[in-house]
N, C-alpha and C. Protein backbone atom coordinates (compact mmCIF):
# COMPACT_ATOMS: atom_id res chain seq x y z
N MET A 1 0.59 -1.23 -0.11
CA MET A 1 0.03 -0.15 0.34
C MET A 1 0.74 1.09 -0.21
N ALA A 2 1.88 1.08 0.55
CA ALA A 2 2.59 2.26 0.73
C ALA A 2 3.48 2.91 -0.85
N SER A 3 3.01 1.99 -1.95
CA SER A 3 3.75 2.11 -3.49
C SER A 3 2.30 2.99 -3.90
N LEU A 4 1.42 3.47 -2.98
CA LEU A 4 -0.40 4.42 -3.79
C LEU A 4 0.39 5.60 -2.78
N LEU A 5 1.30 5.90 -2.38
CA LEU A 5 1.52 7.26 -1.67
C LEU A 5 1.94 8.32 -2.57
N ARG A 6 1.84 9.81 -3.00
CA ARG A 6 2.21 10.05 -3.45
C ARG A 6 3.39 11.24 -2.79
N ASP A 7 4.41 11.73 -3.29
CA ASP A 7 5.67 12.88 -2.70
C ASP A 7 5.31 14.01 -3.23
N PRO A 8 4.77 15.40 -2.68
CA PRO A 8 4.39 14.74 -1.37
C PRO A 8 3.10 14.29 -1.24
N LEU A 9 3.32 13.97 0.51
CA LEU A 9 1.89 13.25 1.03
C LEU A 9 0.98 14.21 1.06
N PHE A 10 1.37 15.54 1.44
CA PHE A 10 0.08 16.92 1.48
C PHE A 10 1.14 17.92 1.25
N GLU A 11 0.61 19.12 1.02
CA GLU A 11 0.88 20.50 0.89
C GLU A 11 -0.23 21.33 0.71
N ILE A 12 0.14 22.18 1.57
CA ILE A 12 -0.94 23.80 1.71
C ILE A 12 -0.03 24.82 1.40
N SER A 13 -0.35 25.71 0.96
CA SER A 13 -0.22 27.24 1.36
C SER A 13 -1.08 28.61 1.57
N GLY A 14 -0.85 29.35 1.76
CA GLY A 14 -2.37 30.53 1.76
C GLY A 14 -1.29 31.67 2.82
N GLN A 15 -2.16 32.74 2.61
CA GLN A 15 -1.86 33.58 3.09
C GLN A 15 -2.06 33.68 5.05
N GLY A 16 -1.27 34.24 5.65
CA GLY A 16 -1.50 33.76 7.23
C GLY A 16 -2.86 34.78 7.75
N PRO A 17 -3.06 34.37 9.25
CA PRO A 17 -4.31 34.98 9.44
C PRO A 17 -4.37 36.34 9.88
N PRO A 18 -5.14 37.35 9.80
CA PRO A 18 -5.21 39.01 9.59
C PRO A 18 -4.80 39.08 11.47
N PRO A 19 -3.92 40.25 11.34
CA PRO A 19 -3.90 41.52 10.12
C PRO A 19 -2.57 41.09 9.05
N SER A 20 -1.78 40.11 9.61
CA SER A 20 -0.87 39.32 8.75
C SER A 20 -0.61 38.94 7.20
N LYS A 21 -0.18 39.80 6.30
CA LYS A 21 0.02 39.46 4.82
C LYS A 21 0.64 38.43 4.54
N ASN A 22 1.81 37.90 5.46
CA ASN A 22 2.42 36.87 5.02
C ASN A 22 1.84 35.67 4.08
N PHE A 23 2.70 35.07 3.81
CA PHE A 23 2.77 33.68 2.74
C PHE A 23 3.03 32.39 3.37
N TYR A 24 2.10 31.45 3.44
CA TYR A 24 3.23 30.30 4.14
C TYR A 24 2.70 28.95 3.20
N PHE A 25 4.04 27.78 3.31
CA PHE A 25 3.79 27.09 2.55
C PHE A 25 4.07 25.78 3.37
N PHE A 26 3.61 24.74 3.21
CA PHE A 26 3.52 24.11 4.37
C PHE A 26 3.57 22.33 3.30
N ALA A 27 4.43 21.30 3.76
CA ALA A 27 4.55 20.36 3.05
C ALA A 27 5.14 19.47 3.91
N VAL A 28 4.33 18.09 4.11
CA VAL A 28 4.82 16.85 4.54
C VAL A 28 4.81 16.03 3.17
N THR A 29 6.38 15.41 3.15
CA THR A 29 6.71 14.64 2.36
C THR A 29 6.84 13.14 2.65
N LYS A 30 7.88 12.57 2.06
CA LYS A 30 8.14 11.17 2.82
C LYS A 30 8.90 10.95 3.95
N THR A 31 9.78 11.89 3.60
CA THR A 31 10.79 11.88 4.56
C THR A 31 11.07 13.59 5.18
N ASN A 32 10.49 14.26 5.30
CA ASN A 32 10.68 15.58 5.43
C ASN A 32 9.19 16.66 5.67
N VAL A 33 9.54 17.68 6.40
CA VAL A 33 8.12 18.61 6.54
C VAL A 33 9.15 19.58 6.46
N ILE A 34 8.41 20.47 5.33
CA ILE A 34 8.73 21.61 4.71
C ILE A 34 8.10 22.78 4.84
N TRP A 35 8.37 24.01 6.24
CA TRP A 35 8.22 24.80 6.05
C TRP A 35 8.57 26.22 5.88
N ARG A 36 8.17 27.12 4.68
CA ARG A 36 8.22 28.13 3.79
C ARG A 36 7.19 29.59 4.28
N TRP A 37 8.22 30.74 4.20
CA TRP A 37 7.53 31.73 4.89
C TRP A 37 8.38 33.08 4.08
N TRP A 38 7.20 33.74 3.38
CA TRP A 38 7.52 34.76 2.43
C TRP A 38 6.96 36.45 3.35
N LYS A 39 8.19 36.75 4.15
CA LYS A 39 6.92 37.93 4.43
C LYS A 39 6.45 39.34 3.65
N ILE A 40 6.00 39.57 3.93
CA ILE A 40 4.78 40.68 2.78
C ILE A 40 4.65 41.90 4.09
N SER A 41 4.76 43.21 3.76
CA SER A 41 4.73 43.96 4.55
C SER A 41 5.29 45.26 3.87
N VAL A 42 4.51 46.22 4.43
CA VAL A 42 4.34 47.69 3.61
C VAL A 42 5.42 48.55 4.25
N ARG A 43 6.38 48.13 5.51
CA ARG A 43 6.95 48.85 6.24
C ARG A 43 8.34 48.49 5.67
N ALA A 44 9.12 49.42 5.50
CA ALA A 44 10.50 49.84 4.78
C ALA A 44 11.40 48.69 5.65
N VAL A 45 11.46 48.26 6.85
CA VAL A 45 12.29 47.65 7.51
C VAL A 45 12.10 46.34 6.95
N ASP A 46 10.87 45.63 6.49
CA ASP A 46 10.33 44.51 5.95
C ASP A 46 10.73 44.14 4.37
N ARG A 47 10.60 45.13 3.80
CA ARG A 47 10.94 45.48 2.17
C ARG A 47 11.86 44.27 1.48
N HIS A 48 13.04 44.51 2.32
CA HIS A 48 14.12 43.92 2.02
C HIS A 48 14.52 42.42 2.79
N ALA A 49 13.03 41.84 3.38
CA ALA A 49 13.11 40.34 3.64
C ALA A 49 13.27 39.43 2.93
N LYS A 50 14.02 38.46 3.53
CA LYS A 50 14.09 36.83 2.49
C LYS A 50 13.33 36.15 2.72
N PRO A 51 12.62 35.22 1.73
CA PRO A 51 11.76 34.02 2.20
C PRO A 51 12.81 33.39 3.25
N GLY A 52 11.84 32.69 3.68
CA GLY A 52 12.78 31.28 4.90
C GLY A 52 12.15 30.09 4.65
N GLU A 53 13.07 29.40 5.23
CA GLU A 53 12.67 27.77 5.19
C GLU A 53 13.22 27.13 6.39
N VAL A 54 12.71 26.44 6.86
CA VAL A 54 12.58 25.01 7.84
C VAL A 54 12.10 23.53 6.89
N LYS A 55 13.28 23.18 7.37
CA LYS A 55 13.34 21.57 6.69
C LYS A 55 14.03 20.54 7.59
N GLU A 56 12.91 19.83 8.58
CA GLU A 56 13.15 18.53 9.36
C GLU A 56 12.63 17.74 9.02
N SER A 57 12.98 16.46 9.89
CA SER A 57 12.76 15.04 9.23
C SER A 57 11.24 14.54 10.13
N LEU A 58 10.43 13.95 9.68
CA LEU A 58 9.21 13.54 10.42
C LEU A 58 9.21 13.39 11.98
N GLN A 59 10.24 12.80 12.32
CA GLN A 59 10.28 12.82 13.79
C GLN A 59 10.58 14.19 14.66
N ASP A 60 11.48 14.86 13.96
CA ASP A 60 12.08 16.25 14.78
C ASP A 60 10.90 17.25 14.64
N PHE A 61 9.79 17.11 13.23
CA PHE A 61 8.77 17.79 13.58
C PHE A 61 7.85 17.48 14.61
N LEU A 62 7.39 15.84 14.68
CA LEU A 62 6.92 15.53 15.93
C LEU A 62 7.24 15.96 17.46
N HIS A 63 8.33 16.25 17.60
CA HIS A 63 8.76 17.31 18.68
C HIS A 63 9.30 18.34 18.67
N ASP A 64 9.27 19.11 17.51
CA ASP A 64 8.98 20.38 17.17
C ASP A 64 8.03 21.53 17.49
N THR A 65 7.64 21.51 19.01
CA THR A 65 6.57 22.17 19.45
C THR A 65 6.24 23.62 18.70
N LYS A 66 7.07 24.33 18.55
CA LYS A 66 7.25 25.54 18.37
C LYS A 66 6.69 25.73 16.56
N LEU A 67 7.19 24.66 15.93
CA LEU A 67 6.68 24.66 14.46
C LEU A 67 5.44 24.39 14.55
N GLN A 68 5.35 23.49 15.38
CA GLN A 68 3.78 22.99 15.24
C GLN A 68 3.01 23.89 15.65
N SER A 69 2.71 24.76 16.48
CA SER A 69 2.04 26.06 16.86
C SER A 69 2.36 26.60 15.82
N GLU A 70 2.87 27.05 14.62
CA GLU A 70 2.98 27.97 13.76
C GLU A 70 1.97 27.51 12.96
N VAL A 71 2.30 26.18 12.36
CA VAL A 71 1.46 25.59 11.56
C VAL A 71 -0.53 25.58 12.08
N SER A 72 -0.10 25.52 12.88
CA SER A 72 -1.49 25.28 13.42
C SER A 72 -2.57 26.74 14.03
N LEU A 73 -1.45 27.45 13.97
CA LEU A 73 -1.69 29.13 13.81
C LEU A 73 -2.18 29.33 12.55
N VAL A 74 -1.49 29.00 11.41
CA VAL A 74 -1.52 29.70 10.29
C VAL A 74 -2.94 28.51 9.55
N PHE A 75 -2.56 27.68 9.87
CA PHE A 75 -3.69 26.42 9.01
C PHE A 75 -4.69 25.93 9.43
N GLY A 76 -4.60 25.94 10.54
CA GLY A 76 -5.26 25.42 11.75
C GLY A 76 -5.44 24.39 12.49
N PRO A 77 -5.99 23.56 13.23
CA PRO A 77 -5.64 22.68 14.88
C PRO A 77 -5.99 21.24 13.60
N HIS A 78 -6.60 21.14 12.37
CA HIS A 78 -7.13 20.17 12.00
C HIS A 78 -5.85 19.85 10.50
N ILE A 79 -5.21 20.61 10.27
CA ILE A 79 -4.08 20.66 9.61
C ILE A 79 -3.13 20.25 10.33
N LEU A 80 -3.01 20.98 11.10
CA LEU A 80 -1.89 20.02 12.03
C LEU A 80 -1.82 18.77 12.60
N GLU A 81 -2.98 18.24 12.95
CA GLU A 81 -3.20 17.11 13.38
C GLU A 81 -3.27 16.10 12.23
N HIS A 82 -3.32 16.62 11.32
CA HIS A 82 -3.27 15.40 10.38
C HIS A 82 -1.88 15.03 9.55
N SER A 83 -1.26 16.49 9.47
CA SER A 83 0.28 16.04 9.56
C SER A 83 1.06 15.33 10.20
N LYS A 84 0.62 15.73 12.02
CA LYS A 84 1.16 14.65 12.80
C LYS A 84 0.88 13.46 12.80
N ALA A 85 -0.28 12.77 11.89
CA ALA A 85 -0.81 11.47 11.56
C ALA A 85 0.03 11.11 10.79
N LEU A 86 0.34 11.72 9.35
CA LEU A 86 1.25 11.56 8.44
C LEU A 86 2.92 11.08 8.82
N CYS A 87 2.93 12.29 9.53
CA CYS A 87 4.51 12.05 10.20
C CYS A 87 4.65 10.75 11.03
N GLN A 88 3.53 10.03 11.81
CA GLN A 88 3.53 8.99 12.52
C GLN A 88 3.14 8.06 11.43
N GLY A 89 3.07 8.26 10.07
CA GLY A 89 3.01 7.19 9.34
C GLY A 89 1.30 6.25 9.66
N ARG A 90 0.44 7.21 10.14
CA ARG A 90 -0.46 7.08 9.75
C ARG A 90 -1.47 7.71 8.62
N TYR A 91 -1.81 6.74 7.68
CA TYR A 91 -1.93 7.19 6.24
C TYR A 91 -3.78 7.14 5.86
N ASN A 92 -4.19 7.79 5.22
CA ASN A 92 -5.59 7.89 5.04
C ASN A 92 -5.78 7.73 3.38
N TYR A 93 -5.65 6.56 3.01
CA TYR A 93 -5.39 5.71 1.58
C TYR A 93 -6.66 6.97 0.88
N LEU A 94 -7.91 6.28 1.46
CA LEU A 94 -9.39 7.14 1.02
C LEU A 94 -8.96 8.51 0.50
N GLU A 95 -8.37 9.32 1.23
CA GLU A 95 -7.92 10.51 0.75
C GLU A 95 -6.91 10.59 -0.90
N LEU A 96 -6.18 9.50 -0.96
CA LEU A 96 -5.76 9.53 -2.21
C LEU A 96 -6.85 8.61 -3.12
N LEU A 97 -7.85 8.92 -3.27
CA LEU A 97 -8.59 8.42 -4.73
C LEU A 97 -9.38 9.39 -4.79
N SER A 98 -9.66 9.72 -6.42
CA SER A 98 -10.29 10.76 -6.39
C SER A 98 -11.82 10.87 -6.56
N ASP A 99 -12.36 11.80 -6.47
CA ASP A 99 -13.73 12.19 -6.43
C ASP A 99 -14.58 11.07 -7.12
N SER A 100 -14.62 10.90 -8.39
CA SER A 100 -14.94 10.22 -9.35
C SER A 100 -14.88 8.49 -9.37
N PHE A 101 -13.74 8.03 -8.47
CA PHE A 101 -13.57 6.93 -8.48
C PHE A 101 -14.48 6.59 -7.45
N ILE A 102 -14.24 7.33 -6.03
CA ILE A 102 -15.29 7.09 -5.08
C ILE A 102 -16.65 7.11 -5.67
N LEU A 103 -17.49 7.95 -6.50
CA LEU A 103 -18.52 8.15 -7.17
C LEU A 103 -18.75 6.67 -7.21
N CYS A 104 -17.90 6.06 -8.20
CA CYS A 104 -18.12 5.27 -8.93
C CYS A 104 -18.58 3.78 -7.55
N ILE A 105 -17.57 3.74 -6.31
CA ILE A 105 -17.54 2.74 -5.37
C ILE A 105 -19.07 2.77 -5.22
N ILE A 106 -19.27 3.97 -4.74
CA ILE A 106 -20.48 4.71 -3.86
C ILE A 106 -21.80 3.83 -4.95
N SER A 107 -21.71 3.87 -5.76
CA SER A 107 -22.91 3.35 -7.14
C SER A 107 -23.28 2.41 -6.81
N TYR A 108 -22.17 1.40 -6.08
CA TYR A 108 -22.70 -0.25 -5.70
C TYR A 108 -23.42 -0.39 -4.47
N LEU A 109 -23.24 0.66 -3.69
CA LEU A 109 -24.16 0.76 -2.38
C LEU A 109 -25.66 0.65 -2.81
N GLU A 110 -26.60 0.16 -1.55
CA GLU A 110 -27.87 0.18 -1.59
C GLU A 110 -28.07 1.95 -1.07
N LEU A 111 -29.55 2.58 -0.98
CA LEU A 111 -29.29 3.51 -0.68
C LEU A 111 -29.48 3.98 1.11
N GLU A 112 -29.42 2.94 1.13
CA GLU A 112 -29.72 2.96 2.95
C GLU A 112 -28.16 3.39 3.66
N ASP A 113 -27.44 2.48 2.84
CA ASP A 113 -26.05 2.58 2.92
C ASP A 113 -25.34 3.75 2.47
N VAL A 114 -25.82 4.34 1.35
CA VAL A 114 -25.29 5.37 0.75
C VAL A 114 -25.67 6.88 1.89
N GLY A 115 -26.50 6.48 2.38
CA GLY A 115 -27.26 7.45 3.92
C GLY A 115 -26.43 7.54 4.97
N ARG A 116 -25.63 6.16 5.81
CA ARG A 116 -24.87 5.64 6.51
C ARG A 116 -23.69 6.37 6.37
N LEU A 117 -23.20 6.07 4.83
CA LEU A 117 -22.08 6.61 4.54
C LEU A 117 -21.85 8.15 4.91
N SER A 118 -22.78 8.79 4.10
CA SER A 118 -22.70 10.17 4.57
C SER A 118 -22.30 10.75 5.55
N GLN A 119 -22.81 9.86 6.85
CA GLN A 119 -22.27 10.60 7.90
C GLN A 119 -21.27 10.31 8.17
N THR A 120 -20.36 9.88 7.71
CA THR A 120 -18.91 9.25 7.72
C THR A 120 -18.10 10.39 7.87
N SER A 121 -18.38 11.11 7.22
CA SER A 121 -17.08 12.55 7.04
C SER A 121 -17.70 13.88 5.79
N LEU A 122 -17.10 14.77 6.23
CA LEU A 122 -17.63 15.93 5.18
C LEU A 122 -17.63 15.60 4.02
N ARG A 123 -16.37 15.30 3.83
CA ARG A 123 -15.98 14.52 2.13
C ARG A 123 -17.42 13.79 1.49
N PHE A 124 -17.43 12.30 2.38
CA PHE A 124 -18.49 11.25 1.97
C PHE A 124 -19.81 12.10 1.69
N ARG A 125 -20.22 13.18 2.80
CA ARG A 125 -21.42 13.88 2.56
C ARG A 125 -21.49 14.65 1.27
N LYS A 126 -20.50 15.21 1.13
CA LYS A 126 -20.33 16.05 -0.20
C LYS A 126 -20.46 15.40 -1.54
N LEU A 127 -20.03 13.99 -1.53
CA LEU A 127 -20.46 13.44 -2.50
C LEU A 127 -21.48 12.61 -2.47
N CYS A 128 -22.16 11.89 -1.57
CA CYS A 128 -23.46 11.60 -1.30
C CYS A 128 -24.57 12.29 -1.35
N GLU A 129 -24.32 13.70 -1.31
CA GLU A 129 -25.00 14.46 -1.84
C GLU A 129 -24.76 15.28 -2.84
N SER A 130 -24.08 14.98 -3.50
CA SER A 130 -23.73 15.37 -5.19
C SER A 130 -24.77 15.32 -6.18
N GLU A 131 -24.73 16.54 -7.24
CA GLU A 131 -25.85 16.14 -8.40
C GLU A 131 -24.90 14.70 -9.16
N ALA A 132 -23.94 14.65 -9.30
CA ALA A 132 -22.72 13.71 -9.74
C ALA A 132 -23.71 12.43 -9.09
N PHE A 133 -23.47 12.15 -7.84
CA PHE A 133 -24.21 11.00 -7.40
C PHE A 133 -25.50 10.75 -7.81
N TRP A 134 -26.19 11.67 -7.92
CA TRP A 134 -27.77 11.11 -8.14
C TRP A 134 -28.19 10.98 -9.49
N GLU A 135 -27.07 11.84 -10.25
CA GLU A 135 -27.59 11.76 -11.57
C GLU A 135 -27.36 10.03 -12.16
N GLN A 136 -25.90 9.94 -11.82
CA GLN A 136 -25.55 8.32 -11.76
C GLN A 136 -26.46 7.57 -11.19
N ALA A 137 -27.41 7.51 -9.99
CA ALA A 137 -28.08 6.90 -9.55
C ALA A 137 -29.46 6.73 -10.11
N VAL A 138 -29.86 7.44 -11.05
CA VAL A 138 -31.03 8.07 -11.92
C VAL A 138 -30.73 7.18 -13.27
N ARG A 139 -29.56 7.64 -13.66
CA ARG A 139 -29.10 6.92 -15.33
C ARG A 139 -28.90 5.35 -14.78
N GLN A 140 -28.57 4.77 -13.81
CA GLN A 140 -28.36 3.13 -13.34
C GLN A 140 -29.74 2.76 -13.22
N ARG A 141 -30.44 2.99 -12.52
CA ARG A 141 -32.11 2.88 -11.98
C ARG A 141 -33.11 2.71 -13.73
N CYS A 142 -32.99 3.68 -14.69
CA CYS A 142 -33.43 3.76 -15.58
C CYS A 142 -32.76 3.28 -16.56
N CYS A 143 -33.18 3.14 -17.78
CA CYS A 143 -32.52 2.17 -18.96
C CYS A 143 -32.01 3.33 -20.01
N THR A 144 -32.81 4.26 -20.14
CA THR A 144 -32.81 5.36 -20.72
C THR A 144 -32.90 6.80 -20.10
N VAL A 145 -33.01 7.59 -20.22
CA VAL A 145 -32.57 9.17 -19.90
C VAL A 145 -32.97 9.76 -20.65
N SER A 146 -34.05 10.52 -20.79
CA SER A 146 -34.41 11.29 -22.19
C SER A 146 -33.86 12.57 -21.83
N ALA A 147 -33.61 13.18 -23.15
CA ALA A 147 -33.25 14.63 -23.27
C ALA A 147 -34.41 15.79 -22.26
N GLU A 148 -35.90 15.10 -21.98
CA GLU A 148 -36.20 16.03 -21.48
C GLU A 148 -35.98 16.10 -19.78
N VAL A 149 -36.07 14.88 -19.55
CA VAL A 149 -36.03 14.28 -18.24
C VAL A 149 -34.55 15.40 -17.98
N ALA A 150 -33.65 14.76 -18.76
CA ALA A 150 -32.49 15.84 -18.25
C ALA A 150 -31.98 17.13 -18.03
N SER A 151 -33.10 17.56 -19.00
CA SER A 151 -33.40 19.37 -18.74
C SER A 151 -33.94 19.30 -17.31
N LEU A 152 -34.93 18.69 -17.29
CA LEU A 152 -35.85 18.50 -16.09
C LEU A 152 -35.09 18.77 -14.59
N ALA A 153 -34.03 17.52 -14.75
CA ALA A 153 -32.90 17.81 -13.53
C ALA A 153 -32.19 18.79 -13.77
N ALA A 154 -32.18 19.60 -15.12
CA ALA A 154 -31.17 20.49 -14.55
C ALA A 154 -31.96 22.11 -13.64
N GLU A 155 -33.38 21.78 -13.72
CA GLU A 155 -34.15 22.82 -12.93
C GLU A 155 -34.10 22.18 -11.59
N VAL A 156 -34.54 20.97 -11.26
CA VAL A 156 -35.06 20.80 -9.86
C VAL A 156 -33.79 19.64 -9.50
N GLY A 157 -32.97 19.31 -10.13
CA GLY A 157 -31.70 18.55 -9.17
C GLY A 157 -32.19 17.26 -9.76
N TRP A 158 -31.13 16.42 -9.63
CA TRP A 158 -31.18 14.52 -10.16
C TRP A 158 -31.96 14.29 -9.09
N ARG A 159 -31.24 14.90 -7.47
CA ARG A 159 -32.15 13.71 -6.50
C ARG A 159 -33.53 14.04 -6.42
N ASN A 160 -34.59 15.06 -6.81
CA ASN A 160 -35.58 15.14 -6.82
C ASN A 160 -36.28 14.21 -8.01
N ILE A 161 -35.68 13.91 -8.50
CA ILE A 161 -35.68 13.34 -9.79
C ILE A 161 -36.08 11.59 -9.99
N PHE A 162 -34.74 11.13 -8.99
CA PHE A 162 -35.04 10.23 -8.60
C PHE A 162 -35.94 9.88 -7.60
N PHE A 163 -36.22 10.24 -6.29
CA PHE A 163 -37.43 9.90 -5.58
C PHE A 163 -38.87 10.55 -5.79
N THR A 164 -38.63 11.20 -7.43
CA THR A 164 -40.05 11.51 -8.18
C THR A 164 -40.77 10.21 -8.90
N SER A 165 -41.97 9.60 -8.66
CA SER A 165 -42.70 8.52 -9.31
C SER A 165 -42.65 8.57 -10.82
N LYS A 166 -42.93 7.78 -11.58
CA LYS A 166 -43.29 8.21 -12.71
C LYS A 166 -43.92 8.84 -13.41
N LEU A 167 -45.27 8.78 -12.82
CA LEU A 167 -46.30 9.33 -13.04
C LEU A 167 -46.25 11.30 -12.58
N GLN A 168 -45.83 11.39 -11.47
CA GLN A 168 -45.30 12.30 -11.32
C GLN A 168 -44.39 13.09 -12.26
N LEU A 169 -43.65 12.28 -12.79
CA LEU A 169 -42.14 12.65 -13.59
C LEU A 169 -43.19 13.25 -15.11
N GLN A 170 -44.00 12.76 -15.70
CA GLN A 170 -45.25 12.75 -16.97
C GLN A 170 -45.49 13.95 -16.35
N LYS A 171 -46.30 14.38 -15.29
CA LYS A 171 -46.57 15.64 -14.85
C LYS A 171 -45.88 16.55 -15.29
N LEU A 172 -44.54 16.60 -14.60
CA LEU A 172 -43.83 17.83 -14.15
C LEU A 172 -43.07 17.94 -15.65
N ILE A 173 -43.04 17.20 -16.34
CA ILE A 173 -42.48 17.12 -18.07
C ILE A 173 -43.39 18.12 -19.15
N SER A 174 -44.69 17.38 -18.60
CA SER A 174 -45.99 18.16 -19.42
C SER A 174 -45.78 19.48 -19.37
N ARG A 175 -46.06 20.07 -17.96
CA ARG A 175 -46.18 21.09 -17.16
C ARG A 175 -44.45 22.33 -17.80
N ARG A 176 -43.81 21.49 -17.79
CA ARG A 176 -42.90 22.14 -18.23
C ARG A 176 -42.44 22.44 -20.02
N ARG A 177 -43.06 21.41 -20.45
CA ARG A 177 -43.25 21.80 -22.34
C ARG A 177 -44.00 22.67 -22.09
N LEU A 178 -45.46 22.61 -21.38
CA LEU A 178 -46.15 23.83 -21.71
C LEU A 178 -46.18 25.43 -21.59
N ARG A 179 -44.76 25.05 -20.25
CA ARG A 179 -44.36 26.76 -19.53
C ARG A 179 -43.47 27.20 -20.89
N LEU A 180 -42.66 26.53 -21.72
CA LEU A 180 -42.07 26.66 -22.55
C LEU A 180 -42.40 26.85 -24.10
N GLU A 181 -43.41 26.07 -24.20
CA GLU A 181 -44.39 26.70 -25.45
C GLU A 181 -44.87 28.17 -25.41
N LYS A 182 -45.71 28.27 -23.81
CA LYS A 182 -46.09 29.62 -23.45
C LYS A 182 -44.64 30.56 -23.88
N GLN A 183 -43.35 30.36 -23.39
CA GLN A 183 -42.61 31.24 -23.54
C GLN A 183 -42.01 31.68 -25.20
N GLN A 184 -42.01 30.77 -25.76
CA GLN A 184 -42.09 30.96 -27.15
C GLN A 184 -42.75 31.63 -28.00
N ASP A 185 -43.65 31.22 -27.50
CA ASP A 185 -45.46 32.23 -28.54
C ASP A 185 -45.18 33.53 -28.30
N GLY A 186 -44.75 33.94 -26.77
CA GLY A 186 -44.61 35.52 -26.48
C GLY A 186 -45.85 35.91 -25.74
N PRO A 187 -46.00 36.90 -24.87
CA PRO A 187 -46.73 37.35 -24.54
C PRO A 187 -48.03 37.27 -24.99
N ALA A 188 -49.51 36.98 -24.22
CA ALA A 188 -51.00 36.89 -24.97
C ALA A 188 -51.01 38.10 -25.37
N PRO A 189 -51.64 38.49 -26.18
CA PRO A 189 -51.92 40.31 -26.63
C PRO A 189 -52.87 40.46 -25.60
N GLY A 190 -52.91 42.00 -25.08
CA GLY A 190 -53.68 42.43 -23.85
C GLY A 190 -55.58 42.53 -24.97
N PRO A 191 -56.03 43.19 -23.72
CA PRO A 191 -57.24 43.44 -24.10
C PRO A 191 -56.80 45.15 -25.12
N ALA A 192 -58.09 45.27 -26.14
CA ALA A 192 -57.73 46.18 -26.63
C ALA A 192 -57.93 47.36 -26.21
N ALA A 193 -57.35 48.75 -26.23
CA ALA A 193 -58.06 50.03 -25.18
C ALA A 193 -58.85 50.75 -25.88
N LYS A 194 -59.74 51.19 -25.25
CA LYS A 194 -60.86 52.04 -25.47
C LYS A 194 -61.03 53.38 -25.69
């Protein structure tokens, strides 16, 4: 499984918390932790400050509370905990899978299991509630999906299409057709002025 790991294992960059304008980069590789910063300031004293970098082994980072507090301050405690887990060799292999691949796997689950899976993490909730998942579910459930149904799904959402009975779906499509025909015909002429 270790061969599935990409290098760097994790990286993030961004501006420091206000009022700081400094820019930070943090990465965890298979062997090191890299912390870089660029001082951005209008003060004359800081104009010629050079970027800085700290590169430590994974074990050194686990004992460096000062660097850990900087990472937590800039990127938040969640990022720090994730980084420490990576340094300790605790990898979340699901994080390495693409959303499209996970959606493919989820498509084989029963709806009840999809509901349970959506409660396990923020990422799974977003995937299980996504339009892409519900479109996939509708297309698997039906042999064919007409252009009218796809167009209606763009308006009301694929999840609503999935939970709509065939009779209700036919009514919605008929109403939509009538509405589109009225829009194409233009506004009805008003009463003649007297």
